[in-house]
PDB file of N, CA and C in Angstrom:
ATOM      1  N   MET A   1     106.702 164.186 158.060  1.00  0.00           N
ATOM      2  CA  MET A   1     106.636 164.252 156.615  1.00  0.00           C
ATOM      3  C   MET A   1     105.286 164.794 156.184  1.00  0.00           C
ATOM      4  N   ARG A   2     105.276 165.549 155.157  1.00  0.00           N
ATOM      5  CA  ARG A   2     104.024 166.105 154.660  1.00  0.00           C
ATOM      6  C   ARG A   2     103.359 165.190 153.635  1.00  0.00           C
ATOM      7  N   SER A   3     104.057 164.186 153.183  1.00  0.00           N
ATOM      8  CA  SER A   3     103.502 163.284 152.168  1.00  0.00           C
ATOM      9  C   SER A   3     103.012 161.980 152.795  1.00  0.00           C
ATOM     10  N   ARG A   4     102.490 162.054 153.983  1.00  0.00           N
ATOM     11  CA  ARG A   4     102.022 160.841 154.659  1.00  0.00           C
ATOM     12  C   ARG A   4     100.826 160.212 153.974  1.00  0.00           C
ATOM     13  N   ARG A   5     100.118 160.999 153.195  1.00  0.00           N
ATOM     14  CA  ARG A   5      98.939 160.461 152.519  1.00  0.00           C
ATOM     15  C   ARG A   5      99.319 159.382 151.512  1.00  0.00           C
ATOM     16  N   LEU A   6     100.562 159.352 151.086  1.00  0.00           N
ATOM     17  CA  LEU A   6     101.009 158.358 150.120  1.00  0.00           C
ATOM     18  C   LEU A   6     101.256 156.996 150.757  1.00  0.00           C
ATOM     19  N   VAL A   7     101.250 156.931 152.081  1.00  0.00           N
ATOM     20  CA  VAL A   7     101.515 155.667 152.767  1.00  0.00           C
ATOM     21  C   VAL A   7     100.405 154.661 152.492  1.00  0.00           C
ATOM     22  N   ARG A   8      99.185 155.114 152.541  1.00  0.00           N
ATOM     23  CA  ARG A   8      98.047 154.228 152.276  1.00  0.00           C
ATOM     24  C   ARG A   8      97.278 154.765 151.079  1.00  0.00           C
ATOM     25  N   ASP A   9      96.637 153.861 150.388  1.00  0.00           N
ATOM     26  CA  ASP A   9      95.893 154.246 149.193  1.00  0.00           C
ATOM     27  C   ASP A   9      94.425 154.408 149.547  1.00  0.00           C
ATOM     28  N   PHE A  10      93.989 155.655 149.738  1.00  0.00           N
ATOM     29  CA  PHE A  10      92.604 155.943 150.074  1.00  0.00           C
ATOM     30  C   PHE A  10      91.770 156.256 148.832  1.00  0.00           C
ATOM     31  N   GLU A  11      92.420 156.421 147.716  1.00  0.00           N
ATOM     32  CA  GLU A  11      91.718 156.826 146.503  1.00  0.00           C
ATOM     33  C   GLU A  11      91.036 155.627 145.845  1.00  0.00           C
ATOM     34  N   ARG A  12      89.907 155.859 145.250  1.00  0.00           N
ATOM     35  CA  ARG A  12      89.183 154.779 144.566  1.00  0.00           C
ATOM     36  C   ARG A  12      89.680 154.577 143.143  1.00  0.00           C
ATOM     37  N   ARG A  13      90.082 155.643 142.522  1.00  0.00           N
ATOM     38  CA  ARG A  13      90.553 155.547 141.140  1.00  0.00           C
ATOM     39  C   ARG A  13      92.070 155.624 141.098  1.00  0.00           C
ATOM     40  N   THR A  14      92.648 154.930 140.152  1.00  0.00           N
ATOM     41  CA  THR A  14      94.103 154.984 140.015  1.00  0.00           C
ATOM     42  C   THR A  14      94.566 156.353 139.531  1.00  0.00           C
ATOM     43  N   THR A  15      93.710 157.049 138.779  1.00  0.00           N
ATOM     44  CA  THR A  15      94.111 158.380 138.308  1.00  0.00           C
ATOM     45  C   THR A  15      94.221 159.360 139.473  1.00  0.00           C
ATOM     46  N   SER A  16      93.359 159.219 140.468  1.00  0.00           N
ATOM     47  CA  SER A  16      93.440 160.087 141.648  1.00  0.00           C
ATOM     48  C   SER A  16      94.700 159.783 142.447  1.00  0.00           C
ATOM     49  N   ALA A  17      95.021 158.502 142.599  1.00  0.00           N
ATOM     50  CA  ALA A  17      96.230 158.119 143.324  1.00  0.00           C
ATOM     51  C   ALA A  17      97.474 158.610 142.588  1.00  0.00           C
ATOM     52  N   GLU A  18      97.464 158.497 141.278  1.00  0.00           N
ATOM     53  CA  GLU A  18      98.591 158.962 140.479  1.00  0.00           C
ATOM     54  C   GLU A  18      98.749 160.474 140.587  1.00  0.00           C
ATOM     55  N   ALA A  19      97.643 161.187 140.601  1.00  0.00           N
ATOM     56  CA  ALA A  19      97.690 162.640 140.745  1.00  0.00           C
ATOM     57  C   ALA A  19      98.279 163.031 142.095  1.00  0.00           C
ATOM     58  N   MET A  20      97.944 162.286 143.147  1.00  0.00           N
ATOM     59  CA  MET A  20      98.501 162.573 144.472  1.00  0.00           C
ATOM     60  C   MET A  20     100.012 162.358 144.490  1.00  0.00           C
ATOM     61  N   VAL A  21     100.485 161.330 143.808  1.00  0.00           N
ATOM     62  CA  VAL A  21     101.930 161.075 143.736  1.00  0.00           C
ATOM     63  C   VAL A  21     102.627 162.217 143.007  1.00  0.00           C
ATOM     64  N   TYR A  22     102.068 162.636 141.880  1.00  0.00           N
ATOM     65  CA  TYR A  22     102.665 163.745 141.132  1.00  0.00           C
ATOM     66  C   TYR A  22     102.651 165.039 141.942  1.00  0.00           C
ATOM     67  N   TRP A  23     101.561 165.290 142.653  1.00  0.00           N
ATOM     68  CA  TRP A  23     101.456 166.499 143.468  1.00  0.00           C
ATOM     69  C   TRP A  23     102.501 166.490 144.584  1.00  0.00           C
ATOM     70  N   SER A  24     102.651 165.355 145.251  1.00  0.00           N
ATOM     71  CA  SER A  24     103.626 165.254 146.339  1.00  0.00           C
ATOM     72  C   SER A  24     105.047 165.423 145.827  1.00  0.00           C
ATOM     73  N   MET A  25     105.358 164.806 144.691  1.00  0.00           N
ATOM     74  CA  MET A  25     106.699 164.945 144.139  1.00  0.00           C
ATOM     75  C   MET A  25     106.975 166.387 143.710  1.00  0.00           C
ATOM     76  N   THR A  26     105.970 167.056 143.185  1.00  0.00           N
ATOM     77  CA  THR A  26     106.122 168.462 142.807  1.00  0.00           C
ATOM     78  C   THR A  26     106.402 169.318 144.031  1.00  0.00           C
ATOM     79  N   MET A  27     105.679 169.070 145.111  1.00  0.00           N
ATOM     80  CA  MET A  27     105.888 169.834 146.338  1.00  0.00           C
ATOM     81  C   MET A  27     107.283 169.590 146.909  1.00  0.00           C
ATOM     82  N   ILE A  28     107.740 168.346 146.909  1.00  0.00           N
ATOM     83  CA  ILE A  28     109.073 168.021 147.424  1.00  0.00           C
ATOM     84  C   ILE A  28     110.146 168.701 146.579  1.00  0.00           C
ATOM     85  N   MET A  29     110.007 168.646 145.257  1.00  0.00           N
ATOM     86  CA  MET A  29     111.008 169.248 144.383  1.00  0.00           C
ATOM     87  C   MET A  29     111.047 170.764 144.515  1.00  0.00           C
ATOM     88  N   THR A  30     109.883 171.409 144.638  1.00  0.00           N
ATOM     89  CA  THR A  30     109.889 172.867 144.779  1.00  0.00           C
ATOM     90  C   THR A  30     110.471 173.289 146.118  1.00  0.00           C
ATOM     91  N   ARG A  31     110.237 172.512 147.166  1.00  0.00           N
ATOM     92  CA  ARG A  31     110.843 172.825 148.460  1.00  0.00           C
ATOM     93  C   ARG A  31     112.353 172.705 148.394  1.00  0.00           C
ATOM     94  N   ARG A  32     112.842 171.680 147.701  1.00  0.00           N
ATOM     95  CA  ARG A  32     114.292 171.504 147.585  1.00  0.00           C
ATOM     96  C   ARG A  32     114.924 172.618 146.758  1.00  0.00           C
ATOM     97  N   LEU A  33     114.241 173.046 145.708  1.00  0.00           N
ATOM     98  CA  LEU A  33     114.786 174.111 144.871  1.00  0.00           C
ATOM     99  C   LEU A  33     114.751 175.463 145.573  1.00  0.00           C
ATOM    100  N   ALA A  34     113.758 175.672 146.427  1.00  0.00           N
ATOM    101  CA  ALA A  34     113.608 176.957 147.099  1.00  0.00           C
ATOM    102  C   ALA A  34     114.497 177.080 148.334  1.00  0.00           C
ATOM    103  N   ARG A  35     115.019 175.960 148.813  1.00  0.00           N
ATOM    104  CA  ARG A  35     115.855 175.986 150.010  1.00  0.00           C
ATOM    105  C   ARG A  35     117.168 176.709 149.716  1.00  0.00           C
ATOM    106  N   PRO A  36     117.587 177.602 150.594  1.00  0.00           N
ATOM    107  CA  PRO A  36     118.865 178.293 150.364  1.00  0.00           C
ATOM    108  C   PRO A  36     120.035 177.318 150.494  1.00  0.00           C
ATOM    109  N   HIS A  37     120.984 177.462 149.609  1.00  0.00           N
ATOM    110  CA  HIS A  37     122.152 176.586 149.618  1.00  0.00           C
ATOM    111  C   HIS A  37     123.154 177.079 150.656  1.00  0.00           C
ATOM    112  N   SER A  38     123.748 176.151 151.368  1.00  0.00           N
ATOM    113  CA  SER A  38     124.771 176.539 152.339  1.00  0.00           C
ATOM    114  C   SER A  38     126.102 176.711 151.607  1.00  0.00           C
ATOM    115  N   ALA A  39     126.892 177.651 152.078  1.00  0.00           N
ATOM    116  CA  ALA A  39     128.181 177.930 151.454  1.00  0.00           C
ATOM    117  C   ALA A  39     129.193 176.875 151.888  1.00  0.00           C
ATOM    118  N   ARG A  40     129.822 176.268 150.920  1.00  0.00           N
ATOM    119  CA  ARG A  40     130.865 175.281 151.231  1.00  0.00           C
ATOM    120  C   ARG A  40     132.207 175.998 151.269  1.00  0.00           C
ATOM    121  N   GLY A  41     132.981 175.673 152.283  1.00  0.00           N
ATOM    122  CA  GLY A  41     134.222 176.412 152.381  1.00  0.00           C
ATOM    123  C   GLY A  41     135.409 175.648 152.550  1.00  0.00           C
TER     124      GLY A  41
END
């Protein structure tokens, strides 16, 4: 997984931790949207 940094909280500020969560979710969503869809038959 590429979002392993979310497992532990290394950030000192909650705003930094929140930004990491938003960044990871954005990356996951863009990867899912960019993935080619398989043809169902």
